[in-house]
N, C-alpha and C. Protein backbone atom coordinates (compact mmCIF):
# COMPACT_ATOMS: atom_id res chain seq x y z
N MET A 1 29.62 -34.19 13.04
CA MET A 1 29.32 -33.74 14.06
C MET A 1 27.34 -32.72 14.42
N LYS A 2 27.01 -33.33 14.77
CA LYS A 2 25.38 -32.73 14.78
C LYS A 2 25.71 -30.95 15.35
N PRO A 3 25.60 -29.84 14.39
CA PRO A 3 25.94 -28.32 14.82
C PRO A 3 24.75 -28.43 16.07
N SER A 4 25.12 -27.15 17.29
CA SER A 4 24.36 -27.34 17.92
C SER A 4 22.89 -26.53 17.18
N LEU A 5 22.10 -26.46 18.85
CA LEU A 5 20.51 -26.08 18.59
C LEU A 5 20.94 -24.43 18.05
N LEU A 6 21.60 -24.10 18.52
CA LEU A 6 22.09 -22.13 18.42
C LEU A 6 22.71 -22.16 17.33
N ASP A 7 23.74 -22.87 16.65
CA ASP A 7 24.26 -22.92 15.49
C ASP A 7 23.51 -22.91 14.44
N SER A 8 22.24 -24.62 14.61
CA SER A 8 21.51 -24.02 13.41
C SER A 8 20.32 -23.14 13.79
N ILE A 9 20.24 -21.98 14.72
CA ILE A 9 18.95 -21.19 14.92
C ILE A 9 19.75 -20.14 13.64
N ARG A 10 21.29 -19.74 13.86
CA ARG A 10 22.05 -19.11 13.41
C ARG A 10 22.46 -18.74 12.20
N ILE A 11 22.36 -20.32 11.02
CA ILE A 11 21.78 -20.43 9.77
C ILE A 11 20.94 -20.14 9.09
N GLU A 12 19.52 -20.69 10.06
CA GLU A 12 18.84 -19.96 9.49
C GLU A 12 18.20 -18.49 9.15
N ASN A 13 19.08 -17.85 10.90
CA ASN A 13 18.59 -16.56 10.67
C ASN A 13 19.59 -16.09 9.75
N LYS A 14 20.57 -16.39 8.59
CA LYS A 14 21.46 -16.07 7.60
C LYS A 14 20.80 -16.02 6.62
N ARG A 15 19.35 -17.35 6.07
CA ARG A 15 18.57 -17.21 5.33
C ARG A 15 18.08 -16.44 5.29
N GLY A 16 17.56 -16.17 6.17
CA GLY A 16 16.15 -15.01 6.50
C GLY A 16 15.13 -15.38 5.79
N PRO A 17 14.21 -14.81 5.66
CA PRO A 17 12.65 -15.13 5.57
C PRO A 17 12.31 -15.42 4.56
N ASN A 18 11.47 -17.01 4.27
CA ASN A 18 10.96 -17.10 3.25
C ASN A 18 10.16 -16.18 2.15
N PRO A 19 10.95 -16.56 1.30
CA PRO A 19 10.29 -15.14 0.51
C PRO A 19 8.46 -15.21 -0.40
N ASN A 20 8.35 -15.98 0.27
CA ASN A 20 6.63 -16.83 -0.07
C ASN A 20 6.14 -17.57 1.31
N CYS A 21 5.23 -16.95 1.41
CA CYS A 21 4.27 -17.76 2.59
C CYS A 21 3.34 -18.90 1.75
N TRP A 22 2.83 -19.35 2.95
CA TRP A 22 1.89 -20.62 2.38
C TRP A 22 0.75 -20.18 1.54
N VAL A 23 0.35 -19.13 1.75
CA VAL A 23 -0.58 -18.70 1.58
C VAL A 23 -0.42 -17.86 0.03
N ALA A 24 0.95 -17.30 0.27
CA ALA A 24 1.52 -16.96 -1.66
C ALA A 24 1.47 -17.69 -2.43
N ARG A 25 2.13 -19.46 -1.77
CA ARG A 25 1.75 -20.41 -3.09
C ARG A 25 0.69 -20.84 -3.51
N ILE A 26 0.06 -20.72 -2.44
CA ILE A 26 -1.91 -21.16 -2.81
C ILE A 26 -1.84 -20.63 -3.73
N MET A 27 -1.76 -19.05 -3.83
CA MET A 27 -2.06 -17.90 -4.76
C MET A 27 -1.95 -18.07 -5.54
N ALA A 28 -0.38 -18.72 -5.80
CA ALA A 28 0.25 -18.60 -7.23
C ALA A 28 -0.19 -19.69 -7.79
N ASP A 29 -1.02 -20.36 -7.88
CA ASP A 29 -1.53 -21.91 -8.17
C ASP A 29 -3.34 -21.31 -8.47
N LEU A 30 -4.04 -20.01 -8.02
CA LEU A 30 -5.41 -20.14 -8.03
C LEU A 30 -5.62 -19.24 -9.64
N ASP A 31 -6.51 -19.25 -10.38
CA ASP A 31 -7.01 -18.92 -10.98
C ASP A 31 -7.05 -17.41 -10.50
N SER A 32 -7.60 -16.06 -11.43
CA SER A 32 -7.51 -15.32 -11.58
C SER A 32 -8.53 -14.84 -10.80
N GLN A 33 -9.55 -15.21 -10.95
CA GLN A 33 -11.02 -15.00 -10.01
C GLN A 33 -10.90 -15.84 -8.49
N ASP A 34 -10.24 -16.67 -8.63
CA ASP A 34 -9.91 -17.54 -7.30
C ASP A 34 -9.58 -16.61 -6.53
N ARG A 35 -8.18 -16.48 -6.83
CA ARG A 35 -7.51 -15.38 -5.74
C ARG A 35 -8.06 -13.57 -5.52
N ALA A 36 -8.97 -13.33 -6.86
CA ALA A 36 -9.90 -11.99 -6.48
C ALA A 36 -10.52 -12.71 -4.98
N ASP A 37 -11.17 -13.48 -5.34
CA ASP A 37 -12.39 -14.02 -4.08
C ASP A 37 -11.55 -14.18 -2.67
N LEU A 38 -10.85 -14.53 -2.92
CA LEU A 38 -9.54 -15.30 -1.50
C LEU A 38 -8.76 -13.73 -1.07
N GLU A 39 -8.63 -12.59 -2.09
CA GLU A 39 -8.66 -11.48 -1.94
C GLU A 39 -9.24 -10.84 -0.61
N THR A 40 -10.91 -10.83 -1.08
CA THR A 40 -11.21 -10.36 -0.92
C THR A 40 -12.09 -10.89 0.80
N ALA A 41 -11.92 -12.25 1.05
CA ALA A 41 -12.62 -12.91 2.04
C ALA A 41 -11.20 -12.44 2.51
N PHE A 42 -10.13 -12.09 2.62
CA PHE A 42 -9.01 -11.97 3.68
C PHE A 42 -9.01 -10.62 4.03
N ALA A 43 -10.14 -9.42 2.90
CA ALA A 43 -10.31 -7.96 3.32
C ALA A 43 -11.42 -7.71 4.40
N ASP A 44 -12.26 -9.25 4.58
CA ASP A 44 -13.61 -8.58 5.41
C ASP A 44 -13.53 -9.75 7.08
N PRO A 45 -13.47 -8.30 7.99
CA PRO A 45 -13.22 -9.26 9.22
C PRO A 45 -14.20 -9.80 9.75
N ASN A 46 -15.12 -9.93 8.80
CA ASN A 46 -16.46 -10.84 9.34
C ASN A 46 -16.39 -12.47 8.89
N ILE A 47 -15.21 -12.37 7.89
CA ILE A 47 -15.06 -13.96 7.29
C ILE A 47 -14.12 -14.43 8.62
N GLN A 48 -14.49 -15.91 9.15
CA GLN A 48 -13.86 -16.30 10.05
C GLN A 48 -12.55 -16.48 9.37
N HIS A 49 -11.45 -17.31 9.76
CA HIS A 49 -9.99 -17.55 9.58
C HIS A 49 -10.77 -19.18 9.33
N SER A 50 -11.05 -19.71 9.92
CA SER A 50 -11.51 -21.39 10.16
C SER A 50 -12.07 -21.33 8.66
N ALA A 51 -12.74 -20.31 7.86
CA ALA A 51 -13.83 -20.69 7.64
C ALA A 51 -13.59 -20.93 5.78
N ILE A 52 -11.59 -19.82 5.54
CA ILE A 52 -11.31 -19.71 4.97
C ILE A 52 -10.32 -21.02 4.55
N VAL A 53 -9.70 -21.93 5.71
CA VAL A 53 -9.30 -23.18 5.73
C VAL A 53 -10.06 -23.80 5.00
N ARG A 54 -11.09 -23.86 5.80
CA ARG A 54 -12.48 -24.85 4.92
C ARG A 54 -12.55 -24.79 4.03
N ALA A 55 -13.28 -23.72 3.40
CA ALA A 55 -12.98 -23.81 1.67
C ALA A 55 -11.96 -24.28 1.39
N LEU A 56 -10.74 -23.85 1.31
CA LEU A 56 -9.47 -24.27 0.80
C LEU A 56 -9.56 -25.84 0.86
N ARG A 57 -9.82 -26.55 1.78
CA ARG A 57 -9.74 -27.35 1.86
C ARG A 57 -10.68 -28.09 0.84
N ASN A 58 -11.84 -27.62 1.07
CA ASN A 58 -12.87 -28.61 0.60
C ASN A 58 -12.72 -28.32 -1.05
N ARG A 59 -11.66 -27.57 -1.34
CA ARG A 59 -10.82 -27.70 -2.72
C ARG A 59 -9.85 -28.03 -2.94
N ASN A 60 -9.42 -29.19 -1.87
CA ASN A 60 -8.19 -29.92 -2.19
C ASN A 60 -6.99 -29.21 -2.36
N ILE A 61 -7.70 -27.84 -1.78
CA ILE A 61 -6.18 -26.86 -1.40
C ILE A 61 -5.79 -27.28 -0.36
N GLU A 62 -4.49 -28.42 0.10
CA GLU A 62 -3.95 -27.63 1.61
C GLU A 62 -3.18 -26.22 1.71
N VAL A 63 -3.48 -25.64 3.39
CA VAL A 63 -3.26 -25.09 4.23
C VAL A 63 -3.04 -25.43 5.51
N LYS A 64 -1.99 -25.04 6.12
CA LYS A 64 -1.70 -24.67 7.44
C LYS A 64 -2.85 -23.47 7.96
N PRO A 65 -3.77 -23.84 8.80
CA PRO A 65 -4.47 -23.23 9.25
C PRO A 65 -3.73 -21.76 10.40
N SER A 66 -2.59 -21.76 10.36
CA SER A 66 -1.77 -20.77 11.36
C SER A 66 -1.57 -19.44 10.10
N ALA A 67 -1.88 -20.33 8.53
CA ALA A 67 -1.10 -19.16 7.78
C ALA A 67 -2.29 -18.67 7.34
N ILE A 68 -3.16 -18.67 8.25
CA ILE A 68 -4.60 -17.71 7.04
C ILE A 68 -4.35 -16.07 7.75
N PRO A 69 -4.29 -16.48 9.59
CA PRO A 69 -4.46 -15.04 10.50
C PRO A 69 -2.72 -14.72 10.35
N ARG A 70 -2.02 -15.59 10.18
CA ARG A 70 -0.59 -14.61 9.75
C ARG A 70 -0.63 -13.90 8.26
N HIS A 71 -1.33 -14.12 7.39
CA HIS A 71 -1.11 -13.50 6.02
C HIS A 71 -2.30 -12.09 6.67
N ARG A 72 -3.40 -13.01 6.76
CA ARG A 72 -4.16 -11.23 7.28
C ARG A 72 -3.72 -10.39 8.17
N LYS A 73 -2.89 -10.65 9.00
CA LYS A 73 -2.02 -9.42 9.84
C LYS A 73 -1.10 -9.24 9.23
N GLY A 74 -0.41 -9.34 8.13
CA GLY A 74 0.38 -8.96 7.34
C GLY A 74 1.38 -9.49 8.62
N GLU A 75 1.74 -10.50 9.29
CA GLU A 75 2.92 -10.98 10.15
C GLU A 75 3.71 -12.33 9.05
N CYS A 76 2.87 -11.95 8.53
CA CYS A 76 3.69 -13.58 6.82
C CYS A 76 5.68 -13.02 6.62
N SER A 77 6.01 -13.74 5.47
CA SER A 77 7.16 -13.42 4.96
C SER A 77 6.83 -12.85 3.71
N CYS A 78 5.31 -12.56 2.96
CA CYS A 78 5.58 -11.57 2.46
C CYS A 78 5.81 -10.47 1.83
N GLU A 79 5.81 -10.13 0.34
CA GLU A 79 6.37 -8.49 0.33
C GLU A 79 5.09 -7.86 0.87
N PRO A 80 5.60 -6.06 1.66
CA PRO A 80 4.30 -5.50 2.04
C PRO A 80 3.95 -4.95 0.93
N ARG A 81 1.99 -5.51 2.22
CA ARG A 81 1.06 -5.24 1.39
C ARG A 81 0.35 -4.00 1.84
């Protein structure tokens, strides 16, 4: 028998947050210069989230558009920054 939605939610809740957010996974695969560039872009409030997404996709790096603002705001599952 398939678990109820509430049971499924409780199972997921026990697992806790994903230790690596989508952006952290991307950053782990970048070389040091690209990683530094991405961190600089995140810190610059004048750079739009969508510009970061487009630049990554132009380099064939798939990213969820919602991951960028969550990471920048510290609402992702990364370690506290």
